[in-house]
Structures are given as structure tokens and as C-alpha cells.
Amino acid sequence: MEKLCNVQCTTMSQLKCITEAWLQIVECRRVLKWTYAYGYYLPEHEKTKTQFFEYLQGEAEAGLERLHRCAEKELDKYVTADGPLSDFDDFRTKLTGLTSVTKTYFENLVRALENGLEDVNSTACNKIVSPRSPASPRSPTGRY
């Protein structure tokens, strides 16, 4: 962090977003590891809940990977530069935004898991209607 301060001619307080990003990465990895256990124990007959869970987990994981890539790989450009780079403020803004978005993804994931994925009505969604059954919707022309 000191080297980055010197290279980019900035203060430690302006680099707070980097520390916050890494703390968020650590917290998200901790949550993510437990989601795999949660998913493993989802009842097989609740396919809709499983799909919803996998969607939430995937979105959270993708957001985390974007944040991690930015905090690790993109930061390196500014640490190894010969002098201050004009787009460093843009990088800080991007990192702050990714940290916030990732936090939101994981908060939504945790909230859904704490509520037992109740946003999904698995019994109604798991019923499959045969295309030939009288309950299936027809097109306006009466054809399937």
C-alpha cells in the first residue's frame, strides 16, 4: 500500500477502497464455501428452488470473480507504474462500484438462504403440463 501511495502520489485514506474490496472478497469467499453445502442438501424434488439457488449462487460468484480480478490484476498496473497514471481515479471508482455490487449480490444470496428460498413456490412451479393435456395453453390459432 505504501508503494502504491508513492507511485500514484496519493494518501492512504484514498486507498481505503482497496482494503474494503479485499475484506469483501474474504467475506464473500467465506459465504460462498457454505453455499455449496447448502446446495448439496437441497431436496432433489424441489427443482425450482435448486434452479433459483444455482442462479443466485452463480450471480454472486460471477460478481465476486469480477471484483477479485479488479482488486488483484488491474491494481497491479498502478503498483508497477513508473509514475502516477491519469486513470487511477477511474480505477478507484470501478473498484468501489464492484465492491458495492458484490456485497449486494451476497446479501441477496444470504437473505434468500436464510428464508429457505421462500421466493420460490416450488410445488406450483414443479408441475409440468403436458402439451396435449386440456390444461395446457393453446396459441391464438388453436394450435400447439
N, C-alpha and C. Protein backbone atom coordinates (compact mmCIF):
# COMPACT_ATOMS: atom_id res chain seq x y z
N MET A 1 0.83 -1.18 0.00
CA MET A 1 0.00 0.00 0.00
C MET A 1 0.88 1.25 0.00
N GLU A 2 1.98 1.19 0.74
CA GLU A 2 2.89 2.34 0.75
C GLU A 2 3.45 2.61 -0.63
N LYS A 3 3.85 1.54 -1.30
CA LYS A 3 4.41 1.69 -2.64
C LYS A 3 3.37 2.32 -3.57
N LEU A 4 2.14 1.88 -3.47
CA LEU A 4 1.07 2.43 -4.31
C LEU A 4 0.85 3.90 -4.00
N CYS A 5 0.91 4.26 -2.72
CA CYS A 5 0.79 5.68 -2.33
C CYS A 5 1.88 6.51 -2.99
N ASN A 6 3.10 5.99 -2.94
CA ASN A 6 4.23 6.72 -3.51
C ASN A 6 4.14 6.81 -5.03
N VAL A 7 3.84 5.71 -5.68
CA VAL A 7 3.80 5.68 -7.14
C VAL A 7 2.67 6.56 -7.67
N GLN A 8 1.51 6.49 -7.05
CA GLN A 8 0.34 7.23 -7.54
C GLN A 8 0.18 8.60 -6.87
N CYS A 9 1.12 8.97 -6.02
CA CYS A 9 1.08 10.26 -5.33
C CYS A 9 -0.28 10.49 -4.66
N THR A 10 -0.64 9.55 -3.84
CA THR A 10 -1.93 9.63 -3.16
C THR A 10 -1.76 9.30 -1.68
N THR A 11 -2.82 9.44 -0.93
CA THR A 11 -2.76 9.17 0.51
C THR A 11 -3.36 7.80 0.82
N MET A 12 -3.05 7.29 2.00
CA MET A 12 -3.59 6.01 2.43
C MET A 12 -5.12 6.06 2.53
N SER A 13 -5.65 7.20 2.93
CA SER A 13 -7.11 7.31 3.05
C SER A 13 -7.80 7.18 1.69
N GLN A 14 -7.11 7.58 0.62
CA GLN A 14 -7.68 7.43 -0.71
C GLN A 14 -7.59 5.99 -1.22
N LEU A 15 -6.83 5.17 -0.52
CA LEU A 15 -6.69 3.76 -0.90
C LEU A 15 -7.56 2.85 -0.04
N LYS A 16 -8.39 3.46 0.77
CA LYS A 16 -9.28 2.70 1.65
C LYS A 16 -10.15 1.73 0.84
N CYS A 17 -10.50 2.11 -0.38
CA CYS A 17 -11.35 1.26 -1.22
C CYS A 17 -10.68 -0.08 -1.52
N ILE A 18 -9.36 -0.11 -1.54
CA ILE A 18 -8.64 -1.37 -1.81
C ILE A 18 -8.78 -2.31 -0.62
N THR A 19 -8.59 -1.78 0.57
CA THR A 19 -8.76 -2.59 1.78
C THR A 19 -10.19 -3.09 1.89
N GLU A 20 -11.16 -2.21 1.61
CA GLU A 20 -12.56 -2.61 1.68
C GLU A 20 -12.88 -3.70 0.65
N ALA A 21 -12.29 -3.59 -0.53
CA ALA A 21 -12.51 -4.60 -1.56
C ALA A 21 -11.98 -5.96 -1.10
N TRP A 22 -10.79 -5.98 -0.54
CA TRP A 22 -10.21 -7.26 -0.09
C TRP A 22 -10.97 -7.84 1.09
N LEU A 23 -11.45 -7.00 1.98
CA LEU A 23 -12.27 -7.50 3.09
C LEU A 23 -13.57 -8.12 2.56
N GLN A 24 -14.13 -7.48 1.54
CA GLN A 24 -15.35 -8.01 0.92
C GLN A 24 -15.07 -9.34 0.22
N ILE A 25 -13.95 -9.44 -0.45
CA ILE A 25 -13.56 -10.68 -1.13
C ILE A 25 -13.45 -11.82 -0.12
N VAL A 26 -12.79 -11.56 0.99
CA VAL A 26 -12.62 -12.59 2.03
C VAL A 26 -13.98 -13.02 2.58
N GLU A 27 -14.83 -12.05 2.89
CA GLU A 27 -16.15 -12.36 3.43
C GLU A 27 -16.99 -13.16 2.42
N CYS A 28 -16.94 -12.77 1.17
CA CYS A 28 -17.71 -13.46 0.13
C CYS A 28 -17.21 -14.88 -0.08
N ARG A 29 -15.92 -15.09 -0.05
CA ARG A 29 -15.38 -16.45 -0.19
C ARG A 29 -15.85 -17.32 0.98
N ARG A 30 -15.91 -16.72 2.16
CA ARG A 30 -16.37 -17.45 3.34
C ARG A 30 -17.83 -17.87 3.17
N VAL A 31 -18.66 -16.95 2.70
CA VAL A 31 -20.07 -17.26 2.47
C VAL A 31 -20.21 -18.29 1.36
N LEU A 32 -19.47 -18.10 0.29
CA LEU A 32 -19.58 -18.97 -0.88
C LEU A 32 -19.29 -20.42 -0.54
N LYS A 33 -18.29 -20.65 0.31
CA LYS A 33 -17.96 -22.04 0.63
C LYS A 33 -19.13 -22.74 1.32
N TRP A 34 -19.91 -22.01 2.10
CA TRP A 34 -21.05 -22.62 2.79
C TRP A 34 -22.24 -22.81 1.86
N THR A 35 -22.30 -22.05 0.78
CA THR A 35 -23.43 -22.23 -0.14
C THR A 35 -23.37 -23.59 -0.83
N TYR A 36 -22.16 -24.12 -1.01
CA TYR A 36 -22.05 -25.43 -1.65
C TYR A 36 -22.67 -26.51 -0.76
N ALA A 37 -22.46 -26.41 0.54
CA ALA A 37 -23.08 -27.35 1.47
C ALA A 37 -24.60 -27.18 1.46
N TYR A 38 -25.06 -25.94 1.43
CA TYR A 38 -26.50 -25.68 1.39
C TYR A 38 -27.11 -26.31 0.14
N GLY A 39 -26.48 -26.09 -0.99
CA GLY A 39 -26.98 -26.64 -2.25
C GLY A 39 -27.00 -28.15 -2.26
N TYR A 40 -26.01 -28.74 -1.65
CA TYR A 40 -25.93 -30.20 -1.60
C TYR A 40 -27.13 -30.80 -0.87
N TYR A 41 -27.60 -30.11 0.15
CA TYR A 41 -28.69 -30.64 0.96
C TYR A 41 -30.08 -30.15 0.53
N LEU A 42 -30.16 -29.42 -0.58
CA LEU A 42 -31.48 -29.06 -1.09
C LEU A 42 -32.19 -30.33 -1.55
N PRO A 43 -33.45 -30.51 -1.18
CA PRO A 43 -34.17 -31.71 -1.60
C PRO A 43 -34.23 -31.82 -3.13
N GLU A 44 -34.01 -33.02 -3.63
CA GLU A 44 -33.97 -33.24 -5.08
C GLU A 44 -35.30 -32.91 -5.75
N HIS A 45 -36.41 -33.11 -5.05
CA HIS A 45 -37.72 -32.87 -5.67
C HIS A 45 -38.05 -31.38 -5.79
N GLU A 46 -37.29 -30.52 -5.16
CA GLU A 46 -37.53 -29.08 -5.25
C GLU A 46 -36.64 -28.47 -6.33
N LYS A 47 -36.92 -28.84 -7.55
CA LYS A 47 -36.09 -28.43 -8.68
C LYS A 47 -36.08 -26.92 -8.89
N THR A 48 -37.21 -26.28 -8.68
CA THR A 48 -37.28 -24.84 -8.88
C THR A 48 -36.42 -24.11 -7.86
N LYS A 49 -36.47 -24.57 -6.62
CA LYS A 49 -35.61 -23.97 -5.59
C LYS A 49 -34.15 -24.18 -5.94
N THR A 50 -33.84 -25.37 -6.43
CA THR A 50 -32.46 -25.66 -6.81
C THR A 50 -32.01 -24.74 -7.94
N GLN A 51 -32.87 -24.54 -8.93
CA GLN A 51 -32.53 -23.65 -10.05
C GLN A 51 -32.35 -22.21 -9.56
N PHE A 52 -33.24 -21.76 -8.69
CA PHE A 52 -33.14 -20.41 -8.15
C PHE A 52 -31.87 -20.26 -7.34
N PHE A 53 -31.59 -21.25 -6.51
CA PHE A 53 -30.37 -21.24 -5.71
C PHE A 53 -29.14 -21.17 -6.61
N GLU A 54 -29.10 -22.00 -7.64
CA GLU A 54 -27.95 -22.02 -8.55
C GLU A 54 -27.80 -20.69 -9.29
N TYR A 55 -28.92 -20.06 -9.62
CA TYR A 55 -28.87 -18.75 -10.26
C TYR A 55 -28.26 -17.72 -9.31
N LEU A 56 -28.79 -17.66 -8.08
CA LEU A 56 -28.27 -16.70 -7.10
C LEU A 56 -26.79 -16.95 -6.81
N GLN A 57 -26.43 -18.21 -6.64
CA GLN A 57 -25.05 -18.57 -6.36
C GLN A 57 -24.16 -18.18 -7.54
N GLY A 58 -24.61 -18.44 -8.74
CA GLY A 58 -23.84 -18.11 -9.94
C GLY A 58 -23.62 -16.61 -10.10
N GLU A 59 -24.67 -15.83 -9.87
CA GLU A 59 -24.55 -14.37 -9.96
C GLU A 59 -23.58 -13.84 -8.91
N ALA A 60 -23.70 -14.35 -7.70
CA ALA A 60 -22.80 -13.92 -6.62
C ALA A 60 -21.37 -14.30 -6.95
N GLU A 61 -21.18 -15.51 -7.44
CA GLU A 61 -19.83 -15.99 -7.77
C GLU A 61 -19.23 -15.17 -8.92
N ALA A 62 -20.02 -14.86 -9.93
CA ALA A 62 -19.53 -14.07 -11.06
C ALA A 62 -19.14 -12.66 -10.61
N GLY A 63 -19.97 -12.08 -9.76
CA GLY A 63 -19.65 -10.75 -9.22
C GLY A 63 -18.38 -10.77 -8.40
N LEU A 64 -18.22 -11.82 -7.61
CA LEU A 64 -17.01 -11.96 -6.80
C LEU A 64 -15.77 -12.10 -7.68
N GLU A 65 -15.87 -12.86 -8.74
CA GLU A 65 -14.72 -13.03 -9.64
C GLU A 65 -14.34 -11.72 -10.32
N ARG A 66 -15.34 -10.93 -10.71
CA ARG A 66 -15.06 -9.61 -11.31
C ARG A 66 -14.33 -8.72 -10.31
N LEU A 67 -14.82 -8.70 -9.07
CA LEU A 67 -14.18 -7.90 -8.03
C LEU A 67 -12.76 -8.38 -7.76
N HIS A 68 -12.59 -9.68 -7.64
CA HIS A 68 -11.27 -10.24 -7.34
C HIS A 68 -10.28 -9.91 -8.46
N ARG A 69 -10.72 -10.05 -9.70
CA ARG A 69 -9.86 -9.74 -10.85
C ARG A 69 -9.43 -8.27 -10.83
N CYS A 70 -10.38 -7.40 -10.52
CA CYS A 70 -10.07 -5.97 -10.47
C CYS A 70 -9.10 -5.66 -9.33
N ALA A 71 -9.37 -6.21 -8.16
CA ALA A 71 -8.54 -5.93 -6.98
C ALA A 71 -7.15 -6.51 -7.09
N GLU A 72 -7.00 -7.56 -7.87
CA GLU A 72 -5.69 -8.21 -7.97
C GLU A 72 -4.96 -7.82 -9.25
N LYS A 73 -5.53 -8.15 -10.37
CA LYS A 73 -4.84 -7.98 -11.66
C LYS A 73 -4.79 -6.52 -12.10
N GLU A 74 -5.94 -5.84 -12.05
CA GLU A 74 -5.97 -4.46 -12.53
C GLU A 74 -5.20 -3.52 -11.61
N LEU A 75 -5.18 -3.82 -10.33
CA LEU A 75 -4.43 -3.00 -9.37
C LEU A 75 -2.94 -3.04 -9.66
N ASP A 76 -2.47 -4.18 -10.10
CA ASP A 76 -1.04 -4.38 -10.37
C ASP A 76 -0.49 -3.33 -11.33
N LYS A 77 -1.28 -2.94 -12.29
CA LYS A 77 -0.87 -1.92 -13.27
C LYS A 77 -0.47 -0.61 -12.57
N TYR A 78 -1.19 -0.26 -11.53
CA TYR A 78 -0.94 1.01 -10.83
C TYR A 78 0.21 0.90 -9.84
N VAL A 79 0.42 -0.29 -9.31
CA VAL A 79 1.52 -0.51 -8.36
C VAL A 79 2.86 -0.52 -9.09
N THR A 80 2.89 -1.10 -10.27
CA THR A 80 4.15 -1.26 -11.01
C THR A 80 4.44 -0.11 -11.98
N ALA A 81 3.58 0.88 -12.02
CA ALA A 81 3.79 2.01 -12.94
C ALA A 81 5.02 2.82 -12.53
N ASP A 82 5.60 3.52 -13.50
CA ASP A 82 6.76 4.37 -13.22
C ASP A 82 6.37 5.69 -12.58
N GLY A 83 5.13 6.03 -12.69
CA GLY A 83 4.65 7.29 -12.13
C GLY A 83 3.13 7.27 -12.06
N PRO A 84 2.54 8.35 -11.57
CA PRO A 84 1.09 8.40 -11.43
C PRO A 84 0.40 8.22 -12.79
N LEU A 85 -0.65 7.44 -12.80
CA LEU A 85 -1.42 7.23 -14.02
C LEU A 85 -2.71 8.04 -13.93
N SER A 86 -3.08 8.66 -15.03
CA SER A 86 -4.23 9.56 -15.04
C SER A 86 -5.56 8.85 -14.77
N ASP A 87 -5.63 7.56 -15.06
CA ASP A 87 -6.90 6.85 -14.87
C ASP A 87 -7.01 6.15 -13.52
N PHE A 88 -6.15 6.48 -12.58
CA PHE A 88 -6.20 5.83 -11.26
C PHE A 88 -7.51 6.14 -10.55
N ASP A 89 -8.02 7.35 -10.69
CA ASP A 89 -9.31 7.69 -10.07
C ASP A 89 -10.44 6.85 -10.66
N ASP A 90 -10.37 6.60 -11.97
CA ASP A 90 -11.37 5.74 -12.61
C ASP A 90 -11.29 4.32 -12.04
N PHE A 91 -10.07 3.85 -11.82
CA PHE A 91 -9.88 2.53 -11.24
C PHE A 91 -10.51 2.47 -9.84
N ARG A 92 -10.26 3.48 -9.03
CA ARG A 92 -10.82 3.51 -7.67
C ARG A 92 -12.35 3.51 -7.71
N THR A 93 -12.91 4.26 -8.64
CA THR A 93 -14.36 4.30 -8.80
C THR A 93 -14.90 2.93 -9.20
N LYS A 94 -14.21 2.29 -10.15
CA LYS A 94 -14.62 0.96 -10.60
C LYS A 94 -14.54 -0.05 -9.45
N LEU A 95 -13.45 -0.01 -8.70
CA LEU A 95 -13.26 -0.94 -7.59
C LEU A 95 -14.33 -0.74 -6.52
N THR A 96 -14.63 0.50 -6.22
CA THR A 96 -15.66 0.82 -5.23
C THR A 96 -17.02 0.31 -5.69
N GLY A 97 -17.32 0.52 -6.97
CA GLY A 97 -18.59 0.04 -7.53
C GLY A 97 -18.71 -1.47 -7.50
N LEU A 98 -17.63 -2.15 -7.91
CA LEU A 98 -17.64 -3.61 -7.89
C LEU A 98 -17.78 -4.16 -6.48
N THR A 99 -17.15 -3.49 -5.53
CA THR A 99 -17.26 -3.91 -4.12
C THR A 99 -18.71 -3.81 -3.66
N SER A 100 -19.35 -2.71 -4.00
CA SER A 100 -20.74 -2.49 -3.61
C SER A 100 -21.69 -3.49 -4.27
N VAL A 101 -21.50 -3.71 -5.56
CA VAL A 101 -22.36 -4.65 -6.30
C VAL A 101 -22.19 -6.06 -5.76
N THR A 102 -20.95 -6.45 -5.51
CA THR A 102 -20.68 -7.80 -5.00
C THR A 102 -21.29 -7.98 -3.62
N LYS A 103 -21.18 -6.97 -2.79
CA LYS A 103 -21.80 -7.02 -1.46
C LYS A 103 -23.30 -7.23 -1.58
N THR A 104 -23.93 -6.52 -2.50
CA THR A 104 -25.37 -6.65 -2.71
C THR A 104 -25.75 -8.05 -3.19
N TYR A 105 -24.98 -8.59 -4.14
CA TYR A 105 -25.24 -9.96 -4.61
C TYR A 105 -25.21 -10.94 -3.44
N PHE A 106 -24.21 -10.82 -2.60
CA PHE A 106 -24.07 -11.76 -1.49
C PHE A 106 -25.11 -11.53 -0.41
N GLU A 107 -25.49 -10.29 -0.17
CA GLU A 107 -26.56 -10.03 0.79
C GLU A 107 -27.86 -10.66 0.31
N ASN A 108 -28.14 -10.54 -0.99
CA ASN A 108 -29.34 -11.16 -1.55
C ASN A 108 -29.29 -12.68 -1.44
N LEU A 109 -28.13 -13.24 -1.71
CA LEU A 109 -27.96 -14.69 -1.61
C LEU A 109 -28.19 -15.16 -0.17
N VAL A 110 -27.55 -14.51 0.77
CA VAL A 110 -27.68 -14.89 2.19
C VAL A 110 -29.13 -14.73 2.65
N ARG A 111 -29.77 -13.62 2.28
CA ARG A 111 -31.16 -13.40 2.67
C ARG A 111 -32.06 -14.51 2.12
N ALA A 112 -31.85 -14.88 0.87
CA ALA A 112 -32.66 -15.95 0.26
C ALA A 112 -32.44 -17.27 0.98
N LEU A 113 -31.20 -17.57 1.33
CA LEU A 113 -30.90 -18.82 2.03
C LEU A 113 -31.48 -18.82 3.44
N GLU A 114 -31.37 -17.69 4.12
CA GLU A 114 -31.92 -17.58 5.48
C GLU A 114 -33.44 -17.78 5.48
N ASN A 115 -34.08 -17.37 4.39
CA ASN A 115 -35.53 -17.51 4.27
C ASN A 115 -35.94 -18.82 3.61
N GLY A 116 -35.01 -19.72 3.44
CA GLY A 116 -35.31 -21.03 2.86
C GLY A 116 -35.73 -20.96 1.41
N LEU A 117 -35.24 -19.95 0.70
CA LEU A 117 -35.59 -19.74 -0.72
C LEU A 117 -37.10 -19.64 -0.89
N GLU A 118 -37.75 -18.98 0.06
CA GLU A 118 -39.21 -18.89 0.05
C GLU A 118 -39.76 -18.08 -1.12
N ASP A 119 -38.92 -17.36 -1.83
CA ASP A 119 -39.38 -16.62 -3.01
C ASP A 119 -39.83 -17.55 -4.11
N VAL A 120 -39.53 -18.83 -3.94
CA VAL A 120 -39.89 -19.82 -4.96
C VAL A 120 -41.03 -20.68 -4.43
N ASN A 121 -42.09 -20.75 -5.19
CA ASN A 121 -43.19 -21.65 -4.85
C ASN A 121 -42.93 -22.94 -5.62
N SER A 122 -42.16 -23.81 -5.02
CA SER A 122 -41.67 -24.98 -5.76
C SER A 122 -42.77 -25.97 -6.13
N THR A 123 -43.83 -26.05 -5.37
CA THR A 123 -44.85 -27.04 -5.72
C THR A 123 -45.60 -26.61 -6.97
N ALA A 124 -45.88 -25.34 -7.11
CA ALA A 124 -46.59 -24.87 -8.30
C ALA A 124 -45.69 -24.90 -9.52
N CYS A 125 -44.43 -24.56 -9.35
CA CYS A 125 -43.52 -24.48 -10.48
C CYS A 125 -43.02 -25.84 -10.93
N ASN A 126 -43.05 -26.82 -10.07
CA ASN A 126 -42.53 -28.14 -10.44
C ASN A 126 -43.53 -28.96 -11.24
N LYS A 127 -44.79 -28.54 -11.28
CA LYS A 127 -45.78 -29.28 -12.05
C LYS A 127 -45.55 -29.01 -13.53
N ILE A 128 -45.41 -30.07 -14.27
CA ILE A 128 -45.19 -29.95 -15.70
C ILE A 128 -46.48 -30.31 -16.41
N VAL A 129 -46.93 -29.43 -17.27
CA VAL A 129 -48.16 -29.66 -18.00
C VAL A 129 -47.80 -30.24 -19.35
N SER A 130 -48.40 -31.35 -19.69
CA SER A 130 -48.15 -31.99 -20.98
C SER A 130 -48.71 -31.11 -22.08
N PRO A 131 -48.01 -31.01 -23.23
CA PRO A 131 -48.50 -30.17 -24.31
C PRO A 131 -49.86 -30.62 -24.84
N ARG A 132 -50.26 -31.85 -24.61
CA ARG A 132 -51.53 -32.35 -25.13
C ARG A 132 -52.63 -32.36 -24.08
N SER A 133 -52.32 -31.97 -22.86
CA SER A 133 -53.35 -32.00 -21.82
C SER A 133 -54.29 -30.83 -21.99
N PRO A 134 -55.54 -30.96 -21.54
CA PRO A 134 -56.52 -29.88 -21.68
C PRO A 134 -56.11 -28.63 -20.91
N ALA A 135 -55.26 -28.76 -19.90
CA ALA A 135 -54.87 -27.61 -19.10
C ALA A 135 -53.79 -26.77 -19.76
N SER A 136 -53.21 -27.30 -20.83
CA SER A 136 -52.11 -26.55 -21.44
C SER A 136 -52.65 -25.41 -22.29
N PRO A 137 -51.94 -24.29 -22.29
CA PRO A 137 -52.40 -23.14 -23.07
C PRO A 137 -52.23 -23.41 -24.56
N ARG A 138 -53.16 -22.89 -25.33
CA ARG A 138 -53.09 -23.01 -26.79
C ARG A 138 -52.71 -21.66 -27.37
N SER A 139 -52.21 -21.71 -28.55
CA SER A 139 -51.90 -20.47 -29.25
C SER A 139 -53.22 -19.85 -29.70
N PRO A 140 -53.23 -18.58 -30.11
CA PRO A 140 -54.46 -17.93 -30.55
C PRO A 140 -55.14 -18.67 -31.71
N THR A 141 -54.39 -19.41 -32.49
CA THR A 141 -54.97 -20.13 -33.63
C THR A 141 -55.52 -21.49 -33.22
N GLY A 142 -55.34 -21.88 -31.97
CA GLY A 142 -55.82 -23.16 -31.50
C GLY A 142 -54.82 -24.28 -31.70
N ARG A 143 -53.66 -23.96 -32.24
CA ARG A 143 -52.60 -24.96 -32.45
C ARG A 143 -51.62 -24.92 -31.30
N TYR A 144 -50.85 -25.98 -31.18
CA TYR A 144 -49.85 -26.07 -30.12
C TYR A 144 -48.60 -25.36 -30.50
